[in-house]
N, C-alpha and C. Protein backbone atom coordinates (compact mmCIF):
# COMPACT_ATOMS: atom_id res chain seq x y z
N UNK A 1 14.10 -0.45 -9.66
CA UNK A 1 12.99 0.44 -9.92
C UNK A 1 12.76 0.23 -11.38
N UNK A 2 11.56 -0.10 -12.04
CA UNK A 2 11.15 -0.06 -12.93
C UNK A 2 10.66 0.94 -14.07
N UNK A 3 11.38 1.93 -13.24
CA UNK A 3 10.47 3.63 -13.81
C UNK A 3 12.40 3.81 -13.86
N UNK A 4 12.42 4.46 -15.60
CA UNK A 4 13.67 4.71 -15.73
C UNK A 4 13.77 6.39 -15.24
N UNK A 5 13.98 7.11 -14.01
CA UNK A 5 14.27 8.43 -13.37
C UNK A 5 14.99 8.31 -12.45
N UNK A 6 15.88 9.28 -11.77
CA UNK A 6 17.22 9.29 -10.92
C UNK A 6 16.43 9.58 -10.08
N UNK A 7 16.43 8.97 -8.72
CA UNK A 7 16.38 8.82 -7.70
C UNK A 7 17.76 9.73 -6.38
N UNK A 8 18.14 10.21 -6.89
CA UNK A 8 19.64 11.15 -6.28
C UNK A 8 18.45 11.97 -4.79
N UNK A 9 17.30 12.27 -5.21
CA UNK A 9 16.44 13.32 -4.35
C UNK A 9 15.83 12.09 -3.22
N UNK A 10 16.15 11.02 -3.31
CA UNK A 10 15.12 10.44 -1.94
C UNK A 10 16.33 9.87 -1.15
N UNK A 11 16.04 9.87 -0.12
CA UNK A 11 16.49 9.37 1.12
C UNK A 11 16.41 8.13 1.88
N UNK A 12 17.46 7.31 1.53
CA UNK A 12 17.32 5.77 2.80
C UNK A 12 17.39 5.99 3.62
N UNK A 13 16.73 5.31 5.07
CA UNK A 13 17.28 5.00 6.14
C UNK A 13 18.26 4.09 6.38
N UNK A 14 19.01 3.68 6.67
CA UNK A 14 19.65 2.22 7.02
C UNK A 14 18.55 1.56 7.65
N UNK A 15 18.96 0.51 7.38
CA UNK A 15 17.92 -1.03 8.04
C UNK A 15 17.55 -0.98 8.93
N UNK A 16 16.44 -1.38 8.88
CA UNK A 16 15.76 -1.09 10.15
C UNK A 16 15.00 -3.05 10.35
N UNK A 17 14.58 -3.31 12.46
CA UNK A 17 14.04 -4.62 11.99
C UNK A 17 12.80 -4.65 11.90
N UNK A 18 12.47 -5.89 11.71
CA UNK A 18 10.94 -6.14 11.05
C UNK A 18 10.97 -7.45 12.55
N UNK A 19 9.38 -7.69 13.12
CA UNK A 19 9.25 -8.52 13.79
C UNK A 19 8.70 -9.91 12.74
N UNK A 20 9.33 -10.96 13.22
CA UNK A 20 8.61 -12.09 12.44
C UNK A 20 7.61 -12.29 12.52
N UNK A 21 7.13 -13.08 11.63
CA UNK A 21 5.80 -13.29 10.87
C UNK A 21 5.11 -13.67 12.11
N UNK A 22 5.57 -14.86 12.72
CA UNK A 22 5.07 -15.70 13.68
C UNK A 22 5.14 -14.80 14.82
N UNK A 23 6.01 -13.81 15.29
CA UNK A 23 5.39 -12.70 16.32
C UNK A 23 3.95 -11.96 16.10
N UNK A 24 3.92 -12.11 14.87
CA UNK A 24 2.36 -10.99 15.26
C UNK A 24 1.17 -11.77 14.12
N UNK A 25 1.52 -12.97 13.89
CA UNK A 25 0.14 -13.89 13.32
C UNK A 25 -1.03 -13.92 14.23
N UNK A 26 -1.13 -13.62 15.43
CA UNK A 26 -1.63 -13.87 16.40
C UNK A 26 -2.63 -12.22 16.23
N UNK A 27 -1.90 -10.92 16.21
CA UNK A 27 -2.80 -9.98 15.58
C UNK A 27 -3.65 -9.83 14.53
N UNK A 28 -3.12 -10.82 13.65
CA UNK A 28 -4.45 -10.69 12.78
C UNK A 28 -5.65 -11.74 12.86
N UNK A 29 -5.51 -12.65 14.02
CA UNK A 29 -6.87 -13.31 14.09
C UNK A 29 -7.75 -12.26 15.19
N UNK A 30 -7.78 -11.10 15.32
CA UNK A 30 -8.83 -10.52 16.14
C UNK A 30 -8.84 -9.22 15.48
N UNK A 31 -9.97 -8.58 15.92
CA UNK A 31 -10.34 -7.40 15.53
C UNK A 31 -9.60 -6.35 15.81
N UNK A 32 -9.19 -5.37 14.47
CA UNK A 32 -8.36 -4.28 14.76
C UNK A 32 -8.56 -3.09 15.94
N UNK A 33 -9.76 -3.63 16.44
CA UNK A 33 -10.76 -2.87 17.48
C UNK A 33 -9.83 -3.34 19.04
N UNK A 34 -10.05 -4.52 18.91
CA UNK A 34 -9.12 -5.25 19.85
C UNK A 34 -7.85 -4.97 20.22
N UNK A 35 -7.09 -4.70 18.94
CA UNK A 35 -5.57 -4.21 19.29
C UNK A 35 -5.52 -2.93 19.63
N UNK A 36 -6.49 -1.99 19.20
CA UNK A 36 -6.60 -0.96 19.64
C UNK A 36 -7.08 -0.34 20.84
N UNK A 37 -7.70 -1.29 21.85
CA UNK A 37 -8.08 -1.40 23.08
C UNK A 37 -6.62 -1.98 23.67
N UNK A 38 -6.31 -3.19 23.38
CA UNK A 38 -5.22 -3.22 23.84
C UNK A 38 -3.67 -2.20 23.71
N UNK A 39 -3.78 -1.08 23.59
CA UNK A 39 -3.13 0.22 23.64
C UNK A 39 -3.48 1.17 24.08
N UNK A 40 -4.66 0.71 24.79
CA UNK A 40 -5.33 2.31 25.41
C UNK A 40 -6.03 3.46 24.58
N UNK A 41 -5.79 2.36 23.00
CA UNK A 41 -6.75 3.51 22.29
C UNK A 41 -5.68 4.46 21.51
N UNK A 42 -4.65 4.52 22.03
CA UNK A 42 -3.77 5.31 21.97
C UNK A 42 -2.87 5.28 20.37
N UNK A 43 -3.16 4.55 19.53
CA UNK A 43 -2.71 4.31 18.47
C UNK A 43 -3.24 3.95 17.32
N UNK A 44 -4.54 4.28 17.09
CA UNK A 44 -5.36 3.99 16.20
C UNK A 44 -5.27 5.25 14.99
N UNK A 45 -5.50 5.08 13.70
CA UNK A 45 -5.36 5.94 13.14
C UNK A 45 -6.67 6.25 12.87
N UNK A 46 -6.78 7.93 12.44
CA UNK A 46 -7.73 8.73 12.75
C UNK A 46 -9.33 8.35 11.32
N UNK A 47 -10.76 8.66 11.76
CA UNK A 47 -11.12 7.72 10.86
C UNK A 47 -10.88 8.35 9.14
N UNK A 48 -10.23 9.13 9.24
CA UNK A 48 -10.05 9.88 7.37
C UNK A 48 -9.62 9.00 6.83
N UNK A 49 -8.99 8.00 7.45
CA UNK A 49 -7.80 6.97 6.79
C UNK A 49 -8.95 5.54 6.74
N UNK A 50 -9.61 5.63 4.86
CA UNK A 50 -10.26 4.41 4.81
C UNK A 50 -10.04 3.53 3.71
N UNK A 51 -10.84 2.00 4.11
CA UNK A 51 -10.37 1.31 3.13
C UNK A 51 -10.95 1.04 1.69
N UNK A 52 -10.30 1.65 0.87
CA UNK A 52 -10.86 1.41 -0.63
C UNK A 52 -10.75 0.46 -1.49
N UNK A 53 -10.45 -0.80 -0.63
CA UNK A 53 -10.24 -2.25 -1.17
C UNK A 53 -11.10 -3.23 -1.17
N UNK A 54 -11.68 -4.31 -2.07
CA UNK A 54 -12.06 -5.33 -0.62
C UNK A 54 -11.97 -6.32 -0.09
N UNK A 55 -10.30 -6.61 -0.33
CA UNK A 55 -9.66 -7.10 0.86
C UNK A 55 -9.70 -6.34 2.25
N UNK A 56 -9.95 -6.69 2.88
CA UNK A 56 -10.62 -6.14 4.38
C UNK A 56 -10.10 -6.73 5.83
N UNK A 57 -8.69 -6.81 5.64
CA UNK A 57 -7.75 -7.74 6.38
C UNK A 57 -6.02 -7.18 5.82
N UNK A 58 -5.60 -6.39 6.87
CA UNK A 58 -3.92 -5.98 6.77
C UNK A 58 -3.43 -6.51 7.79
N UNK A 59 -2.64 -6.68 7.61
CA UNK A 59 -1.30 -7.24 8.19
C UNK A 59 -0.16 -7.49 8.23
N UNK A 60 0.84 -6.97 8.63
CA UNK A 60 2.24 -6.34 8.10
C UNK A 60 2.71 -5.81 8.97
N UNK A 61 4.20 -5.59 8.39
CA UNK A 61 5.52 -4.28 9.35
C UNK A 61 5.52 -3.05 8.28
N UNK A 62 5.75 -1.85 8.80
CA UNK A 62 5.70 -0.94 7.73
C UNK A 62 6.90 -0.28 6.98
N UNK A 63 6.91 -0.40 6.16
CA UNK A 63 8.00 0.52 4.89
C UNK A 63 7.25 1.61 4.93
N UNK A 64 7.89 2.80 5.71
CA UNK A 64 7.80 3.92 5.53
C UNK A 64 8.09 5.00 4.69
N UNK A 65 7.59 5.61 4.31
CA UNK A 65 7.35 6.82 3.02
C UNK A 65 7.10 7.23 3.07
N UNK A 66 8.26 9.31 3.16
CA UNK A 66 7.62 10.48 3.30
C UNK A 66 7.75 10.94 1.97
N UNK A 67 6.89 11.48 1.30
CA UNK A 67 6.62 12.11 -0.13
C UNK A 67 6.26 13.89 -0.11
N UNK A 68 6.57 14.16 -1.28
CA UNK A 68 6.25 15.62 -1.65
C UNK A 68 5.10 15.33 -2.13
N UNK A 69 3.52 16.14 -1.52
CA UNK A 69 2.82 16.18 -2.53
C UNK A 69 2.48 16.04 -3.81
N UNK A 70 1.80 14.92 -3.80
CA UNK A 70 1.05 14.43 -5.29
C UNK A 70 2.31 13.50 -6.28
N UNK A 71 3.49 13.55 -5.09
CA UNK A 71 4.35 12.75 -6.17
C UNK A 71 4.87 11.57 -5.54
N UNK A 72 4.74 10.42 -6.20
CA UNK A 72 5.64 9.33 -5.85
C UNK A 72 6.27 8.75 -6.00
N UNK A 73 7.62 9.42 -6.27
CA UNK A 73 9.17 8.79 -7.01
C UNK A 73 9.65 8.04 -6.04
N UNK A 74 9.45 8.50 -4.57
CA UNK A 74 9.94 7.90 -3.25
C UNK A 74 8.84 6.66 -3.18
N UNK A 75 8.04 6.57 -3.51
CA UNK A 75 7.08 5.35 -3.30
C UNK A 75 8.13 4.04 -4.25
N UNK A 76 7.79 4.53 -5.86
CA UNK A 76 8.25 3.41 -6.58
C UNK A 76 10.21 2.70 -5.70
N UNK A 77 10.57 3.95 -5.49
CA UNK A 77 12.07 3.46 -4.71
C UNK A 77 12.22 2.51 -3.88
N UNK A 78 11.13 2.55 -3.42
CA UNK A 78 10.59 2.11 -1.55
C UNK A 78 10.36 0.63 -1.69
N UNK A 79 10.00 -0.11 -3.16
CA UNK A 79 9.81 -1.13 -3.26
C UNK A 79 11.13 -2.16 -3.96
N UNK A 80 11.79 -0.67 -3.94
CA UNK A 80 12.84 -1.99 -4.06
C UNK A 80 13.34 -2.81 -2.61
N UNK A 81 13.84 -1.75 -1.36
CA UNK A 81 13.59 -2.19 -0.31
C UNK A 81 12.49 -3.29 0.28
N UNK A 82 11.32 -3.19 -0.13
CA UNK A 82 10.23 -4.22 0.45
C UNK A 82 10.64 -5.58 0.47
N UNK A 83 10.52 -6.09 1.52
CA UNK A 83 10.22 -7.63 1.88
C UNK A 83 8.69 -7.98 1.84
N UNK A 84 8.61 -9.73 1.74
CA UNK A 84 7.50 -10.33 1.97
C UNK A 84 6.99 -9.61 3.11
N UNK A 85 5.27 -9.42 3.27
CA UNK A 85 4.83 -9.18 4.26
C UNK A 85 5.24 -7.74 4.57
N UNK A 86 5.64 -6.44 4.10
CA UNK A 86 5.49 -5.32 4.23
C UNK A 86 4.45 -4.84 4.15
N UNK A 87 3.89 -3.46 4.49
CA UNK A 87 3.10 -3.06 3.86
C UNK A 87 3.84 -1.32 4.03
N UNK A 88 3.29 -0.53 2.56
CA UNK A 88 3.49 0.70 2.14
C UNK A 88 2.88 1.60 3.01
N UNK A 89 3.90 2.38 3.96
CA UNK A 89 2.90 3.59 4.81
C UNK A 89 3.44 5.16 4.18
N UNK A 90 2.40 5.35 3.78
CA UNK A 90 3.44 6.57 3.11
C UNK A 90 2.42 8.51 3.57
N UNK A 91 3.21 8.80 4.31
CA UNK A 91 2.65 10.10 4.46
C UNK A 91 2.27 10.99 3.32
N UNK A 92 1.27 11.35 2.89
CA UNK A 92 1.56 12.27 1.52
C UNK A 92 0.83 13.50 2.16
N UNK A 93 0.98 13.78 3.15
CA UNK A 93 0.66 15.69 3.48
C UNK A 93 -0.80 15.41 3.39
N UNK A 94 -1.79 14.50 3.59
CA UNK A 94 -3.30 14.49 3.00
C UNK A 94 -3.64 15.14 2.17
N UNK A 95 -2.96 15.06 0.90
CA UNK A 95 -3.26 15.58 -0.43
C UNK A 95 -3.83 14.96 -0.71
N UNK A 96 -4.97 15.55 -2.04
CA UNK A 96 -5.92 14.16 -2.29
C UNK A 96 -6.36 14.84 -3.81
N UNK A 97 -5.11 15.52 -4.20
CA UNK A 97 -5.59 16.14 -6.04
C UNK A 97 -4.87 15.02 -6.62
N UNK A 98 -3.78 14.49 -6.31
CA UNK A 98 -3.35 13.02 -6.71
C UNK A 98 -2.80 12.09 -6.34
N UNK A 99 -2.82 10.78 -6.96
CA UNK A 99 -3.07 9.45 -6.65
C UNK A 99 -1.66 9.00 -6.60
N UNK A 100 -1.28 8.72 -5.18
CA UNK A 100 -0.26 8.49 -5.12
C UNK A 100 0.49 7.14 -5.52
N UNK A 101 -0.48 6.02 -4.96
CA UNK A 101 -0.52 4.52 -5.53
C UNK A 101 -2.03 4.55 -6.50
N UNK A 102 -1.40 3.24 -7.83
CA UNK A 102 -2.44 2.99 -8.44
C UNK A 102 -2.43 1.53 -9.07
N UNK A 103 -3.09 1.36 -10.10
CA UNK A 103 -2.49 -0.44 -10.40
C UNK A 103 -0.82 -0.71 -10.75
N UNK A 104 -0.21 -0.40 -11.27
CA UNK A 104 1.04 -0.21 -11.64
C UNK A 104 1.96 -0.63 -10.44
N UNK A 105 1.90 0.74 -9.74
CA UNK A 105 2.58 0.36 -8.22
C UNK A 105 1.65 -1.03 -7.58
N UNK A 106 0.48 -1.08 -7.81
CA UNK A 106 0.12 -2.57 -6.91
C UNK A 106 0.54 -3.79 -7.55
N UNK A 107 0.87 -3.64 -8.91
CA UNK A 107 1.54 -5.17 -9.48
C UNK A 107 3.19 -5.20 -8.83
N UNK A 108 3.53 -3.98 -8.71
CA UNK A 108 5.22 -4.25 -8.44
C UNK A 108 5.02 -4.67 -6.76
N UNK A 109 3.82 -4.08 -6.33
CA UNK A 109 3.64 -4.64 -4.72
C UNK A 109 3.65 -6.39 -4.69
N UNK A 110 2.47 -6.87 -5.19
CA UNK A 110 2.27 -8.10 -5.48
C UNK A 110 3.67 -8.64 -5.65
N UNK A 111 4.58 -8.43 -6.63
CA UNK A 111 5.91 -8.96 -7.18
C UNK A 111 6.58 -9.07 -6.01
N UNK A 112 6.86 -7.82 -5.33
CA UNK A 112 7.71 -7.82 -3.87
C UNK A 112 6.67 -8.41 -2.52
N UNK A 113 5.61 -8.83 -2.99
CA UNK A 113 5.37 -9.51 -1.05
C UNK A 113 5.10 -8.70 -0.55
N UNK A 114 4.43 -7.24 -0.94
CA UNK A 114 3.87 -6.62 -0.10
C UNK A 114 2.41 -6.45 -0.57
N UNK A 115 2.05 -6.64 1.42
CA UNK A 115 0.83 -7.01 1.37
C UNK A 115 -0.84 -5.80 1.78
N UNK A 116 0.34 -4.65 1.58
CA UNK A 116 -1.43 -3.69 1.17
C UNK A 116 -0.61 -2.07 1.33
N UNK A 117 -1.33 -0.93 1.79
CA UNK A 117 -0.70 0.05 1.61
C UNK A 117 -1.79 1.13 2.39
N UNK A 118 -1.06 2.06 3.23
CA UNK A 118 -1.66 3.00 4.16
C UNK A 118 -1.25 4.19 3.72
N UNK A 119 -2.17 4.91 3.19
CA UNK A 119 -1.65 6.56 2.06
C UNK A 119 -2.58 7.84 3.07
N UNK A 120 -1.67 8.26 3.42
CA UNK A 120 -2.57 9.37 3.84
C UNK A 120 -2.43 10.24 3.18
N UNK A 121 -3.28 10.39 1.67
CA UNK A 121 -3.30 11.12 0.49
C UNK A 121 -4.42 10.03 -0.18
N UNK A 122 -4.37 10.33 -1.30
CA UNK A 122 -5.37 9.69 -2.18
C UNK A 122 -4.41 8.27 -3.29
N UNK A 123 -5.36 7.73 -3.63
CA UNK A 123 -4.91 6.18 -4.54
C UNK A 123 -6.03 6.22 -5.64
N UNK A 124 -5.99 5.35 -6.49
CA UNK A 124 -6.68 5.60 -8.06
C UNK A 124 -6.73 3.81 -8.26
N UNK A 125 -7.32 3.72 -9.18
CA UNK A 125 -7.48 2.14 -9.56
C UNK A 125 -7.33 0.87 -8.80
N UNK A 126 -8.96 1.40 -7.72
CA UNK A 126 -9.05 0.72 -6.70
C UNK A 126 -10.30 -0.42 -7.33
N UNK A 127 -10.02 -0.75 -8.75
CA UNK A 127 -10.87 -1.97 -8.37
C UNK A 127 -9.99 -3.07 -8.55
N UNK A 128 -8.88 -2.45 -9.29
CA UNK A 128 -7.76 -3.11 -9.71
C UNK A 128 -7.05 -3.14 -9.00
N UNK A 129 -7.07 -3.00 -8.09
CA UNK A 129 -6.09 -3.34 -6.79
C UNK A 129 -6.82 -4.42 -5.90
N UNK A 130 -7.86 -4.00 -6.05
CA UNK A 130 -8.87 -5.02 -5.34
C UNK A 130 -8.49 -6.41 -5.59
N UNK A 131 -8.82 -6.56 -7.25
CA UNK A 131 -8.80 -7.44 -7.73
C UNK A 131 -7.33 -8.51 -7.41
N UNK A 132 -6.53 -7.42 -7.07
CA UNK A 132 -4.83 -8.17 -6.63
C UNK A 132 -4.75 -8.86 -5.46
N UNK A 133 -5.91 -8.30 -4.52
CA UNK A 133 -5.98 -8.67 -3.01
C UNK A 133 -5.47 -8.18 -2.29
N UNK A 134 -4.58 -6.76 -2.89
CA UNK A 134 -4.15 -5.97 -1.92
C UNK A 134 -5.18 -5.05 -0.66
N UNK A 135 -4.74 -4.42 0.40
CA UNK A 135 -5.38 -3.94 1.39
C UNK A 135 -5.11 -2.90 1.59
N UNK A 136 -5.66 -1.54 0.71
CA UNK A 136 -5.27 -0.55 0.54
C UNK A 136 -6.39 0.79 1.21
N UNK A 137 -5.55 1.27 2.05
CA UNK A 137 -6.55 2.28 2.85
C UNK A 137 -6.10 4.06 2.80
N UNK A 138 -6.69 4.41 2.61
CA UNK A 138 -6.48 6.25 1.99
C UNK A 138 -7.06 7.20 2.46
N UNK A 139 -7.06 8.58 2.38
CA UNK A 139 -8.14 9.15 2.46
C UNK A 139 -9.05 9.75 1.20
N UNK A 140 -8.63 9.14 0.10
CA UNK A 140 -9.60 9.62 -0.94
C UNK A 140 -9.00 8.84 -1.96
N UNK A 141 -9.92 9.15 -3.56
CA UNK A 141 -9.26 8.22 -4.38
C UNK A 141 -10.14 9.43 -5.42
N UNK A 142 -9.00 9.38 -6.57
CA UNK A 142 -8.85 10.38 -7.56
C UNK A 142 -8.16 9.17 -9.07
N UNK A 143 -8.97 10.18 -10.00
CA UNK A 143 -7.96 9.48 -11.30
C UNK A 143 -6.86 10.32 -11.68
N UNK A 144 -6.45 11.41 -10.85
CA UNK A 144 -5.90 11.80 -11.27
C UNK A 144 -3.87 11.48 -10.97
N UNK A 145 -3.54 11.53 -11.66
CA UNK A 145 -1.93 10.41 -11.35
C UNK A 145 -1.49 11.70 -10.82
N UNK A 146 0.18 10.86 -10.22
CA UNK A 146 1.13 11.70 -9.91
C UNK A 146 2.37 12.19 -10.60
N UNK A 147 2.77 13.11 -9.89
CA UNK A 147 4.12 13.29 -10.34
C UNK A 147 5.65 12.86 -9.64
N UNK A 148 6.41 12.88 -10.44
CA UNK A 148 7.61 11.69 -10.11
C UNK A 148 8.85 12.25 -10.21
N UNK A 149 9.34 13.36 -9.36
CA UNK A 149 10.28 14.30 -9.29
C UNK A 149 10.97 14.25 -7.83
N UNK A 150 10.30 13.87 -6.84
CA UNK A 150 10.75 13.92 -5.94
C UNK A 150 10.67 15.02 -5.02
N UNK A 151 11.02 15.44 -3.60
CA UNK A 151 12.14 14.41 -3.04
C UNK A 151 11.33 12.86 -2.24
N UNK A 152 11.99 12.60 -1.38
CA UNK A 152 11.36 11.83 -0.56
C UNK A 152 12.45 10.99 0.25
N UNK A 153 11.59 10.34 1.50
CA UNK A 153 12.62 9.44 2.30
C UNK A 153 11.81 8.10 2.95
N UNK A 154 12.70 7.39 2.81
CA UNK A 154 12.14 6.34 2.57
C UNK A 154 13.00 5.22 4.17
N UNK A 155 11.75 4.93 4.63
CA UNK A 155 12.63 4.16 5.96
C UNK A 155 12.64 5.28 7.34
N UNK A 156 12.11 6.06 7.34
CA UNK A 156 12.23 7.15 8.61
C UNK A 156 10.79 7.13 9.20
N UNK A 157 10.88 7.52 10.28
CA UNK A 157 9.18 7.96 10.81
C UNK A 157 8.67 9.10 10.03
N UNK A 158 7.03 8.86 10.29
CA UNK A 158 6.39 9.54 9.43
C UNK A 158 4.67 9.30 10.23
N UNK A 159 4.20 10.58 9.78
CA UNK A 159 2.96 10.63 10.31
C UNK A 159 1.48 10.22 9.73
N UNK A 160 1.34 9.11 9.49
CA UNK A 160 -0.06 9.06 8.71
C UNK A 160 -1.52 8.75 9.46
N UNK A 161 -2.47 9.62 9.72
CA UNK A 161 -3.66 9.28 10.28
C UNK A 161 -3.26 9.73 11.52
N UNK A 162 -2.88 10.70 11.83
CA UNK A 162 -2.16 11.08 13.32
C UNK A 162 -1.71 10.34 14.15
N UNK A 163 -1.07 9.46 13.40
CA UNK A 163 -0.16 8.47 14.50
C UNK A 163 1.31 8.52 13.99
N UNK A 164 2.13 8.20 14.22
CA UNK A 164 3.75 8.45 14.17
C UNK A 164 3.88 6.97 13.93
N UNK A 165 4.27 6.58 12.86
CA UNK A 165 4.72 5.17 12.16
C UNK A 165 5.99 5.06 11.99
N UNK A 166 6.79 3.90 12.48
CA UNK A 166 8.26 3.54 12.48
C UNK A 166 8.33 2.46 11.47
N UNK A 167 9.39 2.92 10.79
CA UNK A 167 9.49 1.31 10.23
C UNK A 167 9.79 -0.10 11.01
N UNK A 168 9.30 -0.58 10.49
CA UNK A 168 9.36 -1.79 11.22
C UNK A 168 8.36 -2.33 11.95
N UNK A 169 7.55 -0.95 12.34
CA UNK A 169 6.22 -1.14 13.15
C UNK A 169 5.38 -2.52 12.39
N UNK A 170 3.65 -2.91 13.47
CA UNK A 170 3.36 -3.81 12.97
C UNK A 170 2.02 -2.70 12.48
N UNK A 171 0.82 -2.87 11.56
CA UNK A 171 0.13 -2.67 10.60
C UNK A 171 -0.83 -3.19 10.84
N UNK A 172 -2.25 -3.19 11.47
CA UNK A 172 -3.55 -4.34 11.70
C UNK A 172 -4.10 -3.30 11.31
N UNK A 173 -5.19 -3.92 10.31
CA UNK A 173 -6.25 -3.38 9.43
C UNK A 173 -7.85 -4.33 9.54
N UNK A 174 -8.44 -3.83 9.43
CA UNK A 174 -9.52 -4.55 8.58
C UNK A 174 -10.76 -3.09 8.03
N UNK A 175 -12.09 -3.88 8.66
CA UNK A 175 -12.93 -2.70 7.87
C UNK A 175 -13.46 -1.39 8.84
N UNK A 176 -13.24 -1.66 10.08
CA UNK A 176 -13.42 -0.60 10.72
C UNK A 176 -11.94 0.63 10.76
N UNK A 177 -11.00 0.14 10.17
CA UNK A 177 -9.64 0.91 10.33
C UNK A 177 -8.30 0.60 10.77
N UNK A 178 -7.18 1.41 10.75
CA UNK A 178 -5.89 0.85 10.90
C UNK A 178 -5.66 1.17 12.18
N UNK A 179 -4.92 0.02 12.63
CA UNK A 179 -3.94 0.32 13.75
C UNK A 179 -2.61 0.05 13.92
N UNK A 180 -1.55 0.99 14.75
CA UNK A 180 -0.51 1.00 14.80
C UNK A 180 0.47 0.28 16.02
N UNK A 181 0.94 -1.03 15.74
CA UNK A 181 1.61 -1.53 16.84
C UNK A 181 3.22 -1.62 16.80
N UNK A 182 3.30 -0.86 17.54
CA UNK A 182 5.12 -0.29 17.66
C UNK A 182 5.80 -2.14 17.70
N UNK A 183 6.71 -1.85 17.04
CA UNK A 183 7.79 -3.16 16.93
C UNK A 183 7.90 -3.78 18.42
N UNK A 184 8.24 -2.80 19.56
CA UNK A 184 8.89 -2.94 20.71
C UNK A 184 7.82 -3.10 21.24
N UNK A 185 6.36 -3.19 21.05
CA UNK A 185 5.16 -3.45 21.94
C UNK A 185 4.65 -4.82 21.44
N UNK A 186 5.23 -5.43 20.42
CA UNK A 186 4.17 -6.88 19.41
C UNK A 186 3.82 -7.54 20.93
N UNK A 187 4.61 -8.60 21.71
CA UNK A 187 4.60 -9.28 22.75
C UNK A 187 3.40 -8.65 23.60
N UNK A 188 3.44 -8.00 24.44
CA UNK A 188 3.13 -6.88 25.20
C UNK A 188 1.07 -7.35 24.36
N UNK A 189 1.38 -6.63 23.39
CA UNK A 189 -0.34 -6.42 22.98
C UNK A 189 -0.98 -8.02 22.52
N UNK A 190 0.13 -8.61 22.10
CA UNK A 190 -0.60 -10.22 21.63
C UNK A 190 -0.89 -10.93 22.88
N UNK A 191 -0.03 -10.59 24.51
CA UNK A 191 -0.62 -11.19 25.11
C UNK A 191 -1.85 -10.13 26.01
N UNK A 192 -1.93 -9.27 25.33
CA UNK A 192 -3.39 -8.87 25.67
C UNK A 192 -4.31 -8.74 24.84
N UNK A 193 -4.51 -9.01 23.90
CA UNK A 193 -5.33 -9.37 23.06
C UNK A 193 -6.65 -10.43 23.45
N UNK A 194 -6.66 -11.12 23.82
CA UNK A 194 -7.36 -13.15 24.48
C UNK A 194 -7.65 -12.12 25.20
N UNK A 195 -7.31 -11.81 26.32
CA UNK A 195 -8.42 -11.19 27.78
C UNK A 195 -9.18 -9.97 27.25
N UNK A 196 -8.87 -9.22 26.12
CA UNK A 196 -9.60 -8.42 25.88
C UNK A 196 -11.20 -9.22 25.22
N UNK A 197 -10.64 -10.44 23.77
CA UNK A 197 -11.44 -10.53 23.32
C UNK A 197 -12.59 -11.41 24.26
N UNK A 198 -11.88 -12.08 25.79
CA UNK A 198 -12.58 -12.91 26.29
C UNK A 198 -14.00 -11.83 26.94
N UNK A 199 -12.94 -11.10 27.84
CA UNK A 199 -14.05 -9.76 28.51
C UNK A 199 -15.69 -9.29 27.52
N UNK A 200 -14.93 -9.29 26.06
CA UNK A 200 -16.29 -8.37 25.61
C UNK A 200 -17.42 -10.23 25.10
N UNK A 201 -17.02 -11.45 24.88
CA UNK A 201 -17.35 -12.29 24.80
C UNK A 201 -18.52 -12.63 25.91
N UNK A 202 -17.84 -12.62 27.06
CA UNK A 202 -18.76 -12.53 28.75
C UNK A 202 -19.62 -11.58 28.61
N UNK A 203 -19.70 -10.18 28.13
CA UNK A 203 -20.56 -8.98 28.58
C UNK A 203 -21.53 -9.67 27.34
N UNK A 204 -21.20 -10.12 26.22
CA UNK A 204 -22.18 -10.18 25.28
C UNK A 204 -22.91 -11.13 25.67
N UNK A 205 -22.63 -12.20 26.37
CA UNK A 205 -23.43 -13.31 26.98
C UNK A 205 -24.35 -13.04 27.80
N UNK A 206 -23.75 -11.84 28.39
CA UNK A 206 -25.03 -11.03 29.57
C UNK A 206 -26.05 -10.31 29.33
N UNK A 207 -25.32 -9.40 27.77
CA UNK A 207 -26.39 -8.84 26.92
C UNK A 207 -27.37 -9.59 26.29
N UNK A 208 -26.88 -10.42 25.72
CA UNK A 208 -28.18 -11.79 24.80
C UNK A 208 -28.74 -12.19 26.26
N UNK A 209 -28.40 -12.76 26.97
CA UNK A 209 -29.20 -13.66 28.47
C UNK A 209 -30.23 -12.29 28.47
N UNK A 210 -30.65 -11.29 28.92
CA UNK A 210 -31.57 -10.08 28.96
C UNK A 210 -31.85 -9.91 28.17
N UNK A 211 -32.21 -10.21 26.80
CA UNK A 211 -32.81 -9.46 26.19
C UNK A 211 -34.40 -10.33 26.17
N UNK A 212 -35.42 -9.63 25.88
CA UNK A 212 -36.91 -9.93 25.85
C UNK A 212 -36.89 -11.01 24.77
N UNK A 213 -37.95 -11.95 25.06
CA UNK A 213 -38.25 -12.38 23.77
C UNK A 213 -39.21 -11.67 22.95
N UNK A 214 -39.27 -11.40 21.47
CA UNK A 214 -40.27 -10.97 21.03
C UNK A 214 -41.55 -11.84 20.62
N UNK A 215 -42.74 -11.28 20.72
CA UNK A 215 -43.74 -12.32 20.84
C UNK A 215 -44.04 -12.89 18.95
N UNK A 216 -44.17 -13.83 18.99
CA UNK A 216 -44.39 -14.49 17.81
C UNK A 216 -46.04 -13.69 17.07
N UNK A 217 -45.32 -13.40 15.55
CA UNK A 217 -46.80 -13.01 15.45
C UNK A 217 -47.36 -14.18 14.38
N UNK A 218 -48.87 -14.19 14.32
CA UNK A 218 -48.83 -15.24 13.53
C UNK A 218 -49.13 -14.47 12.06
């Protein structure tokens, strides 16, 4: 950990499985909406979780963190457990008064290979986070910094954006928002998204074919 603070108050769950990158790659090739449709629209985060950085593509496995409102000690400690391709998924309890992630944590995320973050709370330094190529979703942006006292939990299920996320679940995000794919359902969803896209394209072709031609004006 890069900060010299005791983390005795942070509980770390036993190790958890992560799907292989090859298993989830297909989910990053389709809109998040199609992934949500494949899940019967049941694990789509609410619209309060919005994209705040310029990188509008998120695909990775959940590194879950539960923090006390306004405190990011557990996030710092969680990055010691990170693996390349992880996404920080933080239950900040909807608190928007203090940013839980900023540019310094962003730099650590890049070092660890973490591709983005989804925070049920606030973040800051969004321009710098964008320049790092990180996809960061949150409820709000504020310049106010966090405390670093704890407590917190790493690797346990968390509630973010109205959805329960378990460590190792897959996060799919784009400009529309974030969808959670339970790790045991990845293969099912991969098999389903292609058919959903084909149906949408067929309907779009019928809609366009029925569109009246607009008169040409001089």
